[in-house]
Amino acid sequence: MRAKRFAWWGGAFLAVFAIAALCLSQQGYEPNKTKELESYFPYLSTLVRTLRAIDRFYVDEVDVGNLLRHGTRRLVSSLDSRSTVQFADEENKRQADLGLNVMSQKGLFVVISRETNSPSDGSDVLPGDRIVAINERPVYGLTLDELRRYLRGVPESKVTLTVYGPDDFSPRKVNLHRAMYISKPADFAVGDDWVVYFRIRRFADGVSKTFKRALASLGSSEPRGIIIDVRNNIGGSIKEVTNILSRFESSKPLFLRSTRDGIKEVARDSSVALMPKPVPVVIIVNKRTVGEAEVLAASLRGHGIAKLVGEKTFGFALGTDCISTSDGTRVILSTCEYEGPFGQKLHKVGLTPDIIVPMDRSSSEDTQLEKARETVLNWTPIPKTPPAAKKPAA
């Protein structure tokens, strides 16, 4: 019996070793020419010995496969708020949820935004709230990926969230029911003063086309100014950001993309038509302006096109790629860091607005929007004096 168990664990070790070799080779590593794979050998050996000890001595029977899956998922999702793993046999279909976009900040799960038409839209769960329990279960110790999984489930199933507001001294309990819904990532309005108000909740596919429709709604008239509202914006597609930026700026770069291979400039999309002439642009930001929304704001301000109004942004500026392995597993990893057009660091730093306007959650007045409109209507030119640029990779 021991011989069989030893053979099983020996086979498991070889399997893990082979998988590691395959994954590394898919990413451009050549084990016969480098020491990359050899450097992983001690860790894989430790992993197999640990699993063997669990299998032999733990008080209850353990499904080692599920244990490895759970460990792998936690390993990847602990890297940052966007990295995760989807295994080949997991159905890639949308589940019912609450419509809450959540990020991890200093060990807390902060609600960034609520999807329109979702169960949370119009509920007592507000952007800025911190989730501390789901169905009476504390969320302390969970990864963000695990928390998101707890928020999803069967349509109409009840979920009780325990949340704290930024200034609350006691928790609130909110009952919601999971549902399927169709949200609206962006919309626009044109005021009587010919100021275009463009609200972007997240950079989903098609947002740049909505922006194009907003400009087209003016007909042959020129806008007096544009207000882009990216408050409570979770980020999204960097391609959509590039398309919107390409309408404003013809010079290079729009922003920088920093990877392990160096820094590369991201140029405008030449297929996107430039606006006929410059107009005043104000971008409204707050503490929950995240990721690609920060890239948009940094680029337009860096090129002297826009002023920022509101509060300092979240400070998360990583871009992800999906890496598929031969067994169908999809590893979503943050593979680059975005910077402003002249090398301004955004990640873990954020953007400080030109005009700081704190937001009072208890007030019915939108003082940030009022200030943005006032800034557009009383526009003063922005001096274009970029700092010394970083040298991009060749």
Protein backbone atom coordinates (compact mmCIF):
# COMPACT_ATOMS: atom_id res chain seq x y z
CA MET A 1 0.00 0.00 0.00
CA ARG A 2 2.81 2.42 0.92
CA ALA A 3 4.53 1.58 -2.35
CA LYS A 4 1.37 2.49 -4.26
CA ARG A 5 1.00 5.76 -2.33
CA PHE A 6 4.66 6.57 -2.96
CA ALA A 7 4.21 5.85 -6.66
CA TRP A 8 1.08 8.04 -6.73
CA TRP A 9 2.89 10.98 -5.13
CA GLY A 10 5.91 10.44 -7.35
CA GLY A 11 3.59 10.62 -10.34
CA ALA A 12 1.93 13.73 -8.93
CA PHE A 13 5.30 15.40 -8.53
CA LEU A 14 6.25 14.61 -12.11
CA ALA A 15 2.86 15.88 -13.29
CA VAL A 16 3.24 19.19 -11.44
CA PHE A 17 6.80 19.48 -12.75
CA ALA A 18 5.63 18.80 -16.32
CA ILE A 19 2.81 21.35 -16.04
CA ALA A 20 5.26 23.96 -14.80
CA ALA A 21 7.59 23.19 -17.70
CA LEU A 22 4.73 23.48 -20.18
CA CYS A 23 3.49 26.78 -18.74
CA LEU A 24 6.98 28.24 -18.81
CA SER A 25 7.57 27.10 -22.37
CA GLN A 26 4.28 28.70 -23.45
CA GLN A 27 5.50 32.01 -22.07
CA GLY A 28 8.67 31.89 -24.10
CA TYR A 29 10.96 30.07 -21.67
CA GLU A 30 13.25 27.33 -22.95
CA PRO A 31 14.18 25.01 -20.05
CA ASN A 32 17.08 23.49 -21.95
CA LYS A 33 18.65 26.93 -22.44
CA THR A 34 17.79 28.72 -19.19
CA LYS A 35 17.66 28.07 -15.47
CA GLU A 36 14.06 29.26 -15.15
CA LEU A 37 12.50 25.83 -14.61
CA GLU A 38 15.26 24.65 -12.28
CA SER A 39 14.60 27.61 -9.97
CA TYR A 40 11.03 26.35 -9.43
CA PHE A 41 12.11 22.81 -8.51
CA PRO A 42 12.61 23.35 -4.74
CA TYR A 43 9.19 25.02 -4.42
CA LEU A 44 7.43 22.25 -6.34
CA SER A 45 9.19 19.67 -4.20
CA THR A 46 8.03 21.43 -1.02
CA LEU A 47 4.47 21.62 -2.38
CA VAL A 48 4.33 17.89 -3.13
CA ARG A 49 5.77 16.96 0.27
CA THR A 50 3.21 19.21 1.98
CA LEU A 51 0.33 17.67 0.03
CA ARG A 52 1.62 14.20 0.85
CA ALA A 53 1.69 15.06 4.58
CA ILE A 54 -1.89 16.36 4.38
CA ASP A 55 -3.03 13.24 2.53
CA ARG A 56 -1.41 10.90 5.05
CA PHE A 57 -1.96 12.62 8.39
CA TYR A 58 -4.81 15.15 8.25
CA VAL A 59 -7.73 14.15 10.47
CA ASP A 60 -10.30 14.10 7.63
CA GLU A 61 -10.24 12.88 4.06
CA VAL A 62 -9.06 15.66 1.74
CA ASP A 63 -9.79 16.13 -1.95
CA VAL A 64 -6.27 17.06 -3.02
CA GLY A 65 -7.45 18.25 -6.44
CA ASN A 66 -9.84 20.79 -4.94
CA LEU A 67 -7.20 21.82 -2.42
CA LEU A 68 -4.75 22.54 -5.23
CA ARG A 69 -7.39 24.49 -7.16
CA HIS A 70 -8.25 26.57 -4.12
CA GLY A 71 -4.59 27.22 -3.40
CA THR A 72 -3.84 28.15 -7.01
CA ARG A 73 -6.77 30.57 -7.12
CA ARG A 74 -5.74 32.24 -3.87
CA LEU A 75 -2.13 32.39 -5.05
CA VAL A 76 -3.02 34.31 -8.20
CA SER A 77 -5.80 36.50 -6.78
CA SER A 78 -3.57 37.60 -3.89
CA LEU A 79 -1.33 39.42 -6.40
CA ASP A 80 -3.76 42.29 -6.99
CA SER A 81 -7.43 43.16 -7.47
CA ARG A 82 -7.68 41.91 -11.06
CA SER A 83 -5.53 38.78 -11.29
CA THR A 84 -7.45 35.50 -11.16
CA VAL A 85 -7.71 31.97 -12.59
CA GLN A 86 -10.48 30.20 -14.47
CA PHE A 87 -10.08 26.45 -14.79
CA ALA A 88 -10.95 24.61 -17.99
CA ASP A 89 -13.98 22.74 -16.60
CA GLU A 90 -15.57 25.86 -15.12
CA GLU A 91 -18.43 27.19 -17.18
CA ASN A 92 -17.64 30.58 -18.62
CA LYS A 93 -21.12 31.96 -18.29
CA ARG A 94 -22.47 34.88 -16.40
CA GLN A 95 -24.17 34.29 -13.05
CA ALA A 96 -26.75 36.38 -11.26
CA ASP A 97 -25.20 38.95 -8.96
CA LEU A 98 -25.88 42.19 -7.11
CA GLY A 99 -24.25 44.60 -9.55
CA LEU A 100 -21.59 45.78 -7.11
CA ASN A 101 -18.11 46.66 -8.37
CA VAL A 102 -15.67 46.15 -5.50
CA MET A 103 -11.95 46.78 -5.05
CA SER A 104 -9.57 45.91 -2.24
CA GLN A 105 -7.96 48.87 -0.48
CA LYS A 106 -5.73 48.57 2.59
CA GLY A 107 -7.29 45.22 3.47
CA LEU A 108 -10.86 46.50 3.10
CA PHE A 109 -13.43 45.64 0.42
CA VAL A 110 -14.66 48.99 -0.88
CA VAL A 111 -17.73 49.41 -3.10
CA ILE A 112 -16.59 51.41 -6.12
CA SER A 113 -19.89 51.60 -7.99
CA ARG A 114 -23.31 50.07 -8.58
CA GLU A 115 -24.33 48.86 -12.03
CA THR A 116 -27.41 50.53 -13.48
CA ASN A 117 -30.58 48.39 -13.45
CA SER A 118 -28.94 45.95 -11.02
CA PRO A 119 -30.29 44.85 -7.60
CA SER A 120 -27.93 47.28 -5.87
CA ASP A 121 -28.91 50.26 -8.05
CA GLY A 122 -30.83 52.63 -5.79
CA SER A 123 -30.26 50.42 -2.74
CA ASP A 124 -28.83 51.41 0.65
CA VAL A 125 -25.41 50.09 -0.39
CA LEU A 126 -23.52 53.20 -1.48
CA PRO A 127 -20.23 53.78 -3.31
CA GLY A 128 -17.56 54.09 -0.65
CA ASP A 129 -19.17 51.55 1.69
CA ARG A 130 -16.95 48.77 3.04
CA ILE A 131 -18.34 45.23 2.99
CA VAL A 132 -17.55 43.41 6.25
CA ALA A 133 -19.89 40.40 6.05
CA ILE A 134 -21.98 38.42 3.54
CA ASN A 135 -24.92 36.46 4.98
CA GLU A 136 -23.49 37.01 8.48
CA ARG A 137 -20.15 35.53 7.44
CA PRO A 138 -17.21 37.91 8.00
CA VAL A 139 -15.21 38.55 4.83
CA TYR A 140 -11.94 39.10 6.68
CA GLY A 141 -9.27 36.84 5.19
CA LEU A 142 -10.98 36.43 1.82
CA THR A 143 -9.32 37.45 -1.41
CA LEU A 144 -11.23 39.84 -3.66
CA ASP A 145 -11.82 37.02 -6.13
CA GLU A 146 -13.41 34.91 -3.37
CA LEU A 147 -15.60 37.81 -2.24
CA ARG A 148 -16.87 38.30 -5.79
CA ARG A 149 -17.76 34.61 -5.96
CA TYR A 150 -19.80 34.91 -2.77
CA LEU A 151 -21.72 37.82 -4.29
CA ARG A 152 -22.74 35.70 -7.31
CA GLY A 153 -25.28 32.89 -7.32
CA VAL A 154 -28.76 31.73 -8.28
CA PRO A 155 -31.25 34.37 -9.53
CA GLU A 156 -33.63 35.67 -6.83
CA SER A 157 -31.49 34.22 -4.03
CA LYS A 158 -31.27 36.52 -1.01
CA VAL A 159 -28.03 38.11 0.16
CA THR A 160 -27.58 40.05 3.39
CA LEU A 161 -24.66 42.47 3.29
CA THR A 162 -23.17 44.09 6.36
CA VAL A 163 -21.52 47.37 5.40
CA TYR A 164 -19.90 50.42 6.95
CA GLY A 165 -19.87 53.87 5.38
CA PRO A 166 -16.63 55.93 5.46
CA ASP A 167 -17.89 57.90 8.47
CA ASP A 168 -20.11 55.26 10.11
CA PHE A 169 -19.51 54.03 13.65
CA SER A 170 -22.01 51.18 13.43
CA PRO A 171 -22.74 48.69 10.63
CA ARG A 172 -25.79 48.62 8.36
CA LYS A 173 -27.44 45.45 7.11
CA VAL A 174 -28.88 45.52 3.61
CA ASN A 175 -30.96 42.72 2.07
CA LEU A 176 -30.71 42.25 -1.70
CA HIS A 177 -31.68 39.55 -4.19
CA ARG A 178 -29.36 38.40 -6.96
CA ALA A 179 -30.57 38.94 -10.51
CA MET A 180 -29.57 39.08 -14.17
CA TYR A 181 -29.65 42.59 -15.62
CA ILE A 182 -28.47 44.76 -18.49
CA SER A 183 -26.49 47.77 -17.32
CA LYS A 184 -25.67 51.02 -19.06
CA PRO A 185 -21.93 51.79 -18.87
CA ALA A 186 -22.22 55.33 -20.25
CA ASP A 187 -24.73 58.02 -21.17
CA PHE A 188 -24.73 61.71 -22.05
CA ALA A 189 -26.75 64.91 -22.02
CA VAL A 190 -26.38 68.29 -23.73
CA GLY A 191 -27.33 71.35 -21.69
CA ASP A 192 -28.97 74.54 -22.90
CA ASP A 193 -25.53 76.15 -22.59
CA TRP A 194 -24.14 73.65 -25.16
CA VAL A 195 -22.01 71.91 -22.57
CA VAL A 196 -21.83 68.15 -23.19
CA TYR A 197 -22.02 66.04 -20.03
CA PHE A 198 -20.63 62.54 -20.61
CA ARG A 199 -20.95 60.02 -17.78
CA ILE A 200 -18.73 56.92 -17.93
CA ARG A 201 -19.39 54.29 -15.26
CA ARG A 202 -16.95 51.78 -16.74
CA PHE A 203 -15.06 51.44 -20.01
CA ALA A 204 -17.09 48.63 -21.55
CA ASP A 205 -17.04 47.87 -25.27
CA GLY A 206 -18.89 50.57 -27.18
CA VAL A 207 -18.33 53.45 -24.75
CA SER A 208 -16.22 55.33 -27.30
CA LYS A 209 -19.08 55.01 -29.81
CA THR A 210 -21.45 56.51 -27.24
CA PHE A 211 -19.02 59.42 -26.91
CA LYS A 212 -19.07 59.81 -30.70
CA ARG A 213 -22.89 59.92 -30.61
CA ALA A 214 -22.73 62.56 -27.87
CA LEU A 215 -20.66 64.82 -30.12
CA ALA A 216 -22.82 64.04 -33.17
CA SER A 217 -25.96 65.05 -31.25
CA LEU A 218 -24.83 68.68 -31.56
CA GLY A 219 -25.15 68.56 -35.33
CA SER A 220 -23.02 71.23 -36.99
CA SER A 221 -22.66 73.19 -33.75
CA GLU A 222 -19.51 73.12 -31.67
CA PRO A 223 -19.78 72.27 -27.97
CA ARG A 224 -19.04 75.10 -25.59
CA GLY A 225 -17.28 72.58 -23.40
CA ILE A 226 -17.21 68.93 -22.37
CA ILE A 227 -17.56 67.47 -18.88
CA ILE A 228 -16.39 63.85 -18.57
CA ASP A 229 -17.58 62.28 -15.33
CA VAL A 230 -15.51 59.24 -14.30
CA ARG A 231 -16.44 59.18 -10.63
CA ASN A 232 -17.04 55.69 -9.24
CA ASN A 233 -15.53 54.26 -12.43
CA ILE A 234 -14.08 50.74 -12.08
CA GLY A 235 -11.97 50.98 -15.28
CA GLY A 236 -12.27 48.50 -18.15
CA SER A 237 -11.06 48.38 -21.74
CA ILE A 238 -7.90 50.36 -22.47
CA LYS A 239 -8.86 50.26 -26.16
CA GLU A 240 -11.99 52.30 -25.41
CA VAL A 241 -9.85 54.81 -23.50
CA THR A 242 -7.44 55.06 -26.45
CA ASN A 243 -10.32 55.68 -28.87
CA ILE A 244 -11.70 58.53 -26.75
CA LEU A 245 -8.26 60.08 -26.25
CA SER A 246 -7.65 59.90 -30.01
CA ARG A 247 -10.44 62.44 -30.57
CA PHE A 248 -8.60 65.04 -28.52
CA GLU A 249 -4.89 64.54 -29.06
CA SER A 250 -2.79 64.07 -32.20
CA SER A 251 0.64 64.12 -30.59
CA LYS A 252 2.48 61.11 -29.26
CA PRO A 253 2.24 59.50 -26.75
CA LEU A 254 -1.28 59.31 -25.34
CA PHE A 255 0.14 57.46 -22.32
CA LEU A 256 2.89 55.00 -21.45
CA ARG A 257 2.68 51.24 -20.97
CA SER A 258 5.40 49.84 -18.71
CA THR A 259 6.19 46.11 -18.72
CA ARG A 260 9.15 43.96 -17.72
CA ASP A 261 10.50 44.53 -21.23
CA GLY A 262 10.55 48.30 -20.80
CA ILE A 263 8.35 51.32 -21.46
CA LYS A 264 6.37 51.73 -24.66
CA GLU A 265 4.47 54.74 -25.93
CA VAL A 266 0.80 54.28 -26.83
CA ALA A 267 -0.09 56.37 -29.89
CA ARG A 268 -3.50 57.60 -30.99
CA ASP A 269 -5.75 55.50 -33.20
CA SER A 270 -5.38 57.10 -36.62
CA SER A 271 -8.78 55.75 -37.71
CA VAL A 272 -10.51 58.00 -35.15
CA ALA A 273 -11.33 61.52 -36.34
CA LEU A 274 -9.95 64.43 -34.33
CA MET A 275 -12.32 67.07 -33.01
CA PRO A 276 -12.36 70.10 -35.37
CA LYS A 277 -10.96 72.46 -32.74
CA PRO A 278 -10.03 72.40 -29.05
CA VAL A 279 -12.79 72.96 -26.50
CA PRO A 280 -12.67 73.30 -22.70
CA VAL A 281 -12.69 69.87 -21.04
CA VAL A 282 -13.21 69.15 -17.35
CA ILE A 283 -12.95 65.65 -15.90
CA ILE A 284 -14.68 64.92 -12.60
CA VAL A 285 -12.81 62.38 -10.46
CA ASN A 286 -13.11 61.04 -6.94
CA LYS A 287 -11.67 58.48 -4.53
CA ARG A 288 -13.26 55.70 -6.57
CA THR A 289 -11.92 56.67 -9.99
CA VAL A 290 -9.94 53.53 -10.84
CA GLY A 291 -7.56 52.13 -13.44
CA GLU A 292 -8.26 53.07 -17.05
CA ALA A 293 -10.33 56.05 -15.88
CA GLU A 294 -7.18 57.38 -14.22
CA VAL A 295 -5.28 56.85 -17.48
CA LEU A 296 -7.85 58.95 -19.38
CA ALA A 297 -7.64 61.76 -16.84
CA ALA A 298 -3.83 61.71 -16.68
CA SER A 299 -3.48 61.81 -20.46
CA LEU A 300 -5.87 64.70 -21.11
CA ARG A 301 -4.43 66.75 -18.27
CA GLY A 302 -0.84 65.89 -19.22
CA HIS A 303 -1.40 67.23 -22.73
CA GLY A 304 -2.95 70.44 -21.43
CA ILE A 305 -6.43 69.56 -22.70
CA ALA A 306 -8.41 69.05 -19.48
CA LYS A 307 -8.63 70.17 -15.88
CA LEU A 308 -9.52 67.76 -13.08
CA VAL A 309 -12.17 68.59 -10.50
CA GLY A 310 -13.08 66.54 -7.43
CA GLU A 311 -11.03 64.31 -5.13
CA LYS A 312 -7.77 62.37 -5.36
CA THR A 313 -8.22 59.16 -7.36
CA PHE A 314 -7.90 55.53 -6.22
CA GLY A 315 -4.38 54.83 -7.53
CA PHE A 316 -4.70 51.52 -9.39
CA ALA A 317 -3.22 51.52 -12.90
CA LEU A 318 -2.42 47.95 -13.95
CA GLY A 319 -3.42 46.36 -17.26
CA THR A 320 -4.28 42.67 -17.58
CA ASP A 321 -3.76 39.95 -20.17
CA CYS A 322 -5.33 36.50 -20.40
CA ILE A 323 -2.80 33.66 -20.64
CA SER A 324 -4.22 30.30 -21.75
CA THR A 325 -2.48 27.02 -20.94
CA SER A 326 -2.69 23.81 -22.95
CA ASP A 327 -5.29 22.28 -20.59
CA GLY A 328 -7.67 25.21 -21.13
CA THR A 329 -6.94 27.03 -17.87
CA ARG A 330 -7.14 30.82 -18.26
CA VAL A 331 -4.80 32.87 -16.09
CA ILE A 332 -5.71 36.56 -15.97
CA LEU A 333 -2.64 38.49 -14.84
CA SER A 334 -1.68 42.13 -14.51
CA THR A 335 1.17 42.34 -17.02
CA CYS A 336 1.71 46.09 -17.37
CA GLU A 337 1.55 49.37 -15.49
CA TYR A 338 0.09 52.48 -17.10
CA GLU A 339 1.70 55.87 -16.67
CA GLY A 340 0.86 59.38 -17.79
CA PRO A 341 2.05 60.60 -21.21
CA PHE A 342 5.27 62.01 -19.76
CA GLY A 343 6.00 59.28 -17.25
CA GLN A 344 3.75 60.36 -14.40
CA LYS A 345 3.27 57.43 -12.03
CA LEU A 346 -0.36 56.56 -11.30
CA HIS A 347 -0.30 53.15 -9.62
CA LYS A 348 -0.38 53.41 -5.81
CA VAL A 349 -0.17 57.19 -6.25
CA GLY A 350 -3.36 58.38 -7.94
CA LEU A 351 -4.12 61.82 -9.35
CA THR A 352 -4.65 64.98 -7.34
CA PRO A 353 -7.23 67.27 -9.02
CA ASP A 354 -6.45 70.81 -10.14
CA ILE A 355 -9.53 71.94 -8.21
CA ILE A 356 -10.24 69.92 -5.07
CA VAL A 357 -13.93 69.64 -4.20
CA PRO A 358 -14.80 67.14 -1.43
CA MET A 359 -18.10 65.30 -1.84
CA ASP A 360 -20.62 65.12 0.98
CA ARG A 361 -22.53 61.83 0.70
CA SER A 362 -25.33 63.18 2.86
CA SER A 363 -25.96 66.18 0.59
CA SER A 364 -28.41 66.10 -2.31
CA GLU A 365 -26.37 68.74 -4.17
CA ASP A 366 -23.64 67.66 -6.56
CA THR A 367 -21.05 70.31 -5.74
CA GLN A 368 -18.40 68.61 -7.88
CA LEU A 369 -20.57 68.74 -11.00
CA GLU A 370 -21.51 72.36 -10.27
CA LYS A 371 -17.82 73.27 -9.98
CA ALA A 372 -17.02 71.41 -13.20
CA ARG A 373 -19.69 73.35 -15.10
CA GLU A 374 -18.49 76.63 -13.62
CA THR A 375 -14.91 75.80 -14.68
CA VAL A 376 -15.99 75.07 -18.26
CA LEU A 377 -18.03 78.26 -18.59
CA ASN A 378 -15.23 80.40 -17.12
CA TRP A 379 -12.40 78.65 -18.91
CA THR A 380 -8.79 79.79 -18.66
CA PRO A 381 -6.12 78.21 -20.91
CA ILE A 382 -3.88 75.49 -19.49
CA PRO A 383 -0.12 76.01 -19.93
CA LYS A 384 1.32 72.94 -21.63
CA THR A 385 4.56 72.36 -19.77
CA PRO A 386 5.12 68.61 -19.52
CA PRO A 387 7.86 67.26 -17.25
CA ALA A 388 10.88 65.48 -18.69
CA ALA A 389 9.72 62.37 -20.51
CA LYS A 390 10.89 58.87 -19.73
CA LYS A 391 12.77 57.22 -22.55
CA PRO A 392 10.67 54.38 -24.01
CA ALA A 393 12.09 50.99 -24.84
CA ALA A 394 13.58 50.64 -28.28
